[in-house]
Amino acid sequence: MTVPVDNGHLRYREAGAGPPVVLLHGGGLDHRSWDDQVGPLSADHRVITPDARGHGGSSTRRRRTGTATTWPRCCGRWTPVR
């Protein structure tokens, strides 16, 4: 699945149902770094594993936009605001 962001899109995988858990990978990796954790967590949670800009299936930036603004916007789409 993908979610639109400024100047492109982020690809993510989603598994399970329940309270959301968003797992962010480190530099040079992609969502697959969480593969071993997704199965156990998805038994009781909705697990979302996005690819950061320029990683995995996500687009690269066409112009400079910060990760600090991208992640909160995406997480707001995946998790309820309280």
N, C-alpha and C. Protein backbone atom coordinates (compact mmCIF):
# COMPACT_ATOMS: atom_id res chain seq x y z
N MET A 1 0.84 -1.17 0.00
CA MET A 1 0.00 0.00 0.00
C MET A 1 0.89 1.24 0.00
N THR A 2 0.33 2.34 -0.44
CA THR A 2 1.08 3.60 -0.42
C THR A 2 0.23 4.70 0.19
N VAL A 3 0.91 5.70 0.71
CA VAL A 3 0.26 6.89 1.23
C VAL A 3 0.94 8.10 0.57
N PRO A 4 0.15 9.05 0.04
CA PRO A 4 0.78 10.21 -0.59
C PRO A 4 1.39 11.14 0.45
N VAL A 5 2.54 11.68 0.12
CA VAL A 5 3.20 12.70 0.94
C VAL A 5 3.67 13.80 -0.01
N ASP A 6 4.12 14.92 0.55
CA ASP A 6 4.63 15.99 -0.29
C ASP A 6 5.68 15.44 -1.25
N ASN A 7 5.50 15.68 -2.51
CA ASN A 7 6.48 15.30 -3.54
C ASN A 7 6.67 13.81 -3.71
N GLY A 8 5.67 12.99 -3.49
CA GLY A 8 5.83 11.56 -3.72
C GLY A 8 4.90 10.69 -2.90
N HIS A 9 5.40 9.51 -2.54
CA HIS A 9 4.58 8.57 -1.77
C HIS A 9 5.49 7.73 -0.86
N LEU A 10 4.88 7.19 0.19
CA LEU A 10 5.56 6.22 1.05
C LEU A 10 4.83 4.90 0.90
N ARG A 11 5.58 3.85 0.73
CA ARG A 11 5.01 2.51 0.68
C ARG A 11 5.06 1.93 2.09
N TYR A 12 4.04 1.16 2.45
CA TYR A 12 4.02 0.53 3.75
C TYR A 12 3.29 -0.79 3.69
N ARG A 13 3.55 -1.62 4.70
CA ARG A 13 2.80 -2.86 4.87
C ARG A 13 2.04 -2.76 6.17
N GLU A 14 0.92 -3.45 6.20
CA GLU A 14 0.06 -3.43 7.37
C GLU A 14 -0.39 -4.85 7.66
N ALA A 15 -0.41 -5.21 8.95
CA ALA A 15 -0.83 -6.55 9.35
C ALA A 15 -1.56 -6.46 10.68
N GLY A 16 -2.50 -7.36 10.89
CA GLY A 16 -3.19 -7.47 12.17
C GLY A 16 -4.28 -6.45 12.37
N ALA A 17 -4.86 -6.50 13.57
CA ALA A 17 -5.92 -5.58 13.96
C ALA A 17 -5.77 -5.30 15.45
N GLY A 18 -6.22 -4.13 15.85
CA GLY A 18 -6.12 -3.73 17.24
C GLY A 18 -5.45 -2.37 17.33
N PRO A 19 -4.92 -2.04 18.50
CA PRO A 19 -4.24 -0.76 18.65
C PRO A 19 -3.05 -0.68 17.68
N PRO A 20 -2.85 0.48 17.05
CA PRO A 20 -1.78 0.57 16.05
C PRO A 20 -0.39 0.64 16.67
N VAL A 21 0.56 0.02 15.98
CA VAL A 21 1.98 0.11 16.28
C VAL A 21 2.68 0.44 14.97
N VAL A 22 3.42 1.55 14.94
CA VAL A 22 4.15 1.95 13.74
C VAL A 22 5.63 1.70 14.01
N LEU A 23 6.26 0.86 13.18
CA LEU A 23 7.67 0.52 13.34
C LEU A 23 8.48 1.20 12.24
N LEU A 24 9.42 2.05 12.62
CA LEU A 24 10.25 2.80 11.67
C LEU A 24 11.63 2.17 11.60
N HIS A 25 12.10 1.89 10.41
CA HIS A 25 13.40 1.25 10.23
C HIS A 25 14.53 2.27 10.30
N GLY A 26 15.75 1.77 10.45
CA GLY A 26 16.93 2.61 10.48
C GLY A 26 17.42 2.96 9.08
N GLY A 27 18.45 3.79 9.02
CA GLY A 27 19.03 4.22 7.75
C GLY A 27 19.60 3.06 6.96
N GLY A 28 19.41 3.10 5.65
CA GLY A 28 19.93 2.07 4.77
C GLY A 28 19.12 0.79 4.76
N LEU A 29 18.03 0.74 5.50
CA LEU A 29 17.18 -0.45 5.57
C LEU A 29 15.82 -0.14 4.98
N ASP A 30 14.88 -1.10 5.07
CA ASP A 30 13.49 -0.86 4.69
C ASP A 30 12.59 -1.64 5.64
N HIS A 31 11.30 -1.69 5.33
CA HIS A 31 10.32 -2.32 6.23
C HIS A 31 10.66 -3.76 6.58
N ARG A 32 11.43 -4.43 5.74
CA ARG A 32 11.75 -5.85 5.98
C ARG A 32 12.58 -6.06 7.24
N SER A 33 13.21 -5.00 7.75
CA SER A 33 13.99 -5.16 8.97
C SER A 33 13.12 -5.55 10.16
N TRP A 34 11.81 -5.36 10.04
CA TRP A 34 10.87 -5.69 11.11
C TRP A 34 10.14 -7.02 10.88
N ASP A 35 10.48 -7.76 9.85
CA ASP A 35 9.74 -8.98 9.51
C ASP A 35 9.57 -9.95 10.69
N ASP A 36 10.61 -10.15 11.48
CA ASP A 36 10.52 -11.10 12.60
C ASP A 36 9.59 -10.62 13.71
N GLN A 37 9.37 -9.32 13.83
CA GLN A 37 8.52 -8.77 14.88
C GLN A 37 7.05 -8.64 14.46
N VAL A 38 6.81 -8.52 13.16
CA VAL A 38 5.45 -8.27 12.68
C VAL A 38 4.50 -9.40 13.06
N GLY A 39 4.90 -10.64 12.86
CA GLY A 39 4.02 -11.78 13.17
C GLY A 39 3.54 -11.78 14.61
N PRO A 40 4.46 -11.78 15.59
CA PRO A 40 4.02 -11.78 16.98
C PRO A 40 3.20 -10.54 17.37
N LEU A 41 3.62 -9.36 16.91
CA LEU A 41 2.90 -8.15 17.27
C LEU A 41 1.51 -8.08 16.65
N SER A 42 1.37 -8.62 15.43
CA SER A 42 0.09 -8.52 14.73
C SER A 42 -1.00 -9.41 15.31
N ALA A 43 -0.63 -10.28 16.24
CA ALA A 43 -1.65 -11.10 16.91
C ALA A 43 -2.62 -10.23 17.72
N ASP A 44 -2.12 -9.10 18.23
CA ASP A 44 -2.94 -8.23 19.08
C ASP A 44 -2.94 -6.77 18.65
N HIS A 45 -2.22 -6.44 17.59
CA HIS A 45 -2.08 -5.05 17.18
C HIS A 45 -2.18 -4.90 15.67
N ARG A 46 -2.48 -3.72 15.25
CA ARG A 46 -2.38 -3.33 13.84
C ARG A 46 -0.96 -2.82 13.66
N VAL A 47 -0.14 -3.54 12.92
CA VAL A 47 1.28 -3.22 12.77
C VAL A 47 1.51 -2.59 11.40
N ILE A 48 2.10 -1.40 11.39
CA ILE A 48 2.37 -0.65 10.17
C ILE A 48 3.88 -0.49 10.05
N THR A 49 4.43 -0.93 8.91
CA THR A 49 5.87 -0.84 8.68
C THR A 49 6.12 -0.09 7.38
N PRO A 50 6.33 1.23 7.47
CA PRO A 50 6.57 2.02 6.26
C PRO A 50 8.03 1.99 5.83
N ASP A 51 8.25 2.28 4.56
CA ASP A 51 9.58 2.52 4.02
C ASP A 51 9.81 4.02 4.03
N ALA A 52 10.94 4.46 4.56
CA ALA A 52 11.29 5.88 4.55
C ALA A 52 11.55 6.35 3.12
N ARG A 53 11.56 7.65 2.92
CA ARG A 53 11.84 8.22 1.61
C ARG A 53 13.12 7.64 1.04
N GLY A 54 13.06 7.20 -0.21
CA GLY A 54 14.24 6.68 -0.89
C GLY A 54 14.65 5.29 -0.46
N HIS A 55 13.84 4.63 0.32
CA HIS A 55 14.12 3.27 0.79
C HIS A 55 12.99 2.35 0.34
N GLY A 56 13.32 1.09 0.09
CA GLY A 56 12.29 0.12 -0.30
C GLY A 56 11.46 0.63 -1.47
N GLY A 57 10.13 0.60 -1.31
CA GLY A 57 9.24 1.02 -2.38
C GLY A 57 8.80 2.46 -2.33
N SER A 58 9.35 3.25 -1.41
CA SER A 58 8.96 4.66 -1.31
C SER A 58 9.73 5.50 -2.33
N SER A 59 9.10 6.58 -2.75
CA SER A 59 9.74 7.47 -3.72
C SER A 59 10.83 8.30 -3.04
N THR A 60 11.73 8.79 -3.87
CA THR A 60 12.73 9.73 -3.36
C THR A 60 12.13 11.13 -3.37
N ARG A 61 12.75 12.03 -2.72
CA ARG A 61 12.25 13.41 -2.67
C ARG A 61 12.54 14.12 -3.99
N ARG A 62 11.55 14.79 -4.52
CA ARG A 62 11.77 15.60 -5.73
C ARG A 62 12.34 16.95 -5.35
N ARG A 63 12.01 17.41 -4.16
CA ARG A 63 12.62 18.61 -3.60
C ARG A 63 12.75 18.40 -2.10
N ARG A 64 13.53 19.18 -1.48
CA ARG A 64 13.87 18.97 -0.07
C ARG A 64 12.66 19.14 0.83
N THR A 65 12.25 18.07 1.50
CA THR A 65 11.25 18.12 2.57
C THR A 65 11.79 17.25 3.69
N GLY A 66 11.59 17.64 4.88
CA GLY A 66 12.20 16.94 6.01
C GLY A 66 11.43 15.73 6.48
N THR A 67 12.17 14.76 6.98
CA THR A 67 11.56 13.58 7.59
C THR A 67 10.75 13.98 8.80
N ALA A 68 11.18 15.03 9.49
CA ALA A 68 10.46 15.48 10.68
C ALA A 68 9.03 15.90 10.37
N THR A 69 8.75 16.30 9.14
CA THR A 69 7.38 16.65 8.78
C THR A 69 6.65 15.49 8.11
N THR A 70 7.39 14.60 7.47
CA THR A 70 6.76 13.48 6.76
C THR A 70 6.18 12.45 7.72
N TRP A 71 6.95 11.99 8.70
CA TRP A 71 6.48 10.92 9.60
C TRP A 71 5.24 11.31 10.39
N PRO A 72 5.19 12.51 11.00
CA PRO A 72 3.96 12.84 11.74
C PRO A 72 2.71 12.85 10.87
N ARG A 73 2.83 13.33 9.65
CA ARG A 73 1.67 13.35 8.75
C ARG A 73 1.20 11.92 8.45
N CYS A 74 2.15 11.03 8.19
CA CYS A 74 1.79 9.65 7.86
C CYS A 74 1.23 8.94 9.08
N CYS A 75 1.88 9.10 10.21
CA CYS A 75 1.40 8.42 11.43
C CYS A 75 0.01 8.90 11.80
N GLY A 76 -0.29 10.16 11.51
CA GLY A 76 -1.63 10.68 11.76
C GLY A 76 -2.68 9.99 10.90
N ARG A 77 -2.29 9.48 9.76
CA ARG A 77 -3.23 8.75 8.90
C ARG A 77 -3.47 7.33 9.42
N TRP A 78 -2.46 6.79 10.11
CA TRP A 78 -2.54 5.41 10.55
C TRP A 78 -3.03 5.24 11.97
N THR A 79 -2.90 6.27 12.79
CA THR A 79 -3.24 6.16 14.20
C THR A 79 -4.28 7.19 14.58
N PRO A 80 -5.16 6.87 15.51
CA PRO A 80 -6.16 7.85 15.92
C PRO A 80 -5.52 8.97 16.73
N VAL A 81 -6.01 10.17 16.54
CA VAL A 81 -5.54 11.31 17.31
C VAL A 81 -6.32 11.38 18.59
N ARG A 82 -5.62 11.56 19.70
CA ARG A 82 -6.28 11.63 21.00
C ARG A 82 -6.11 12.98 21.60
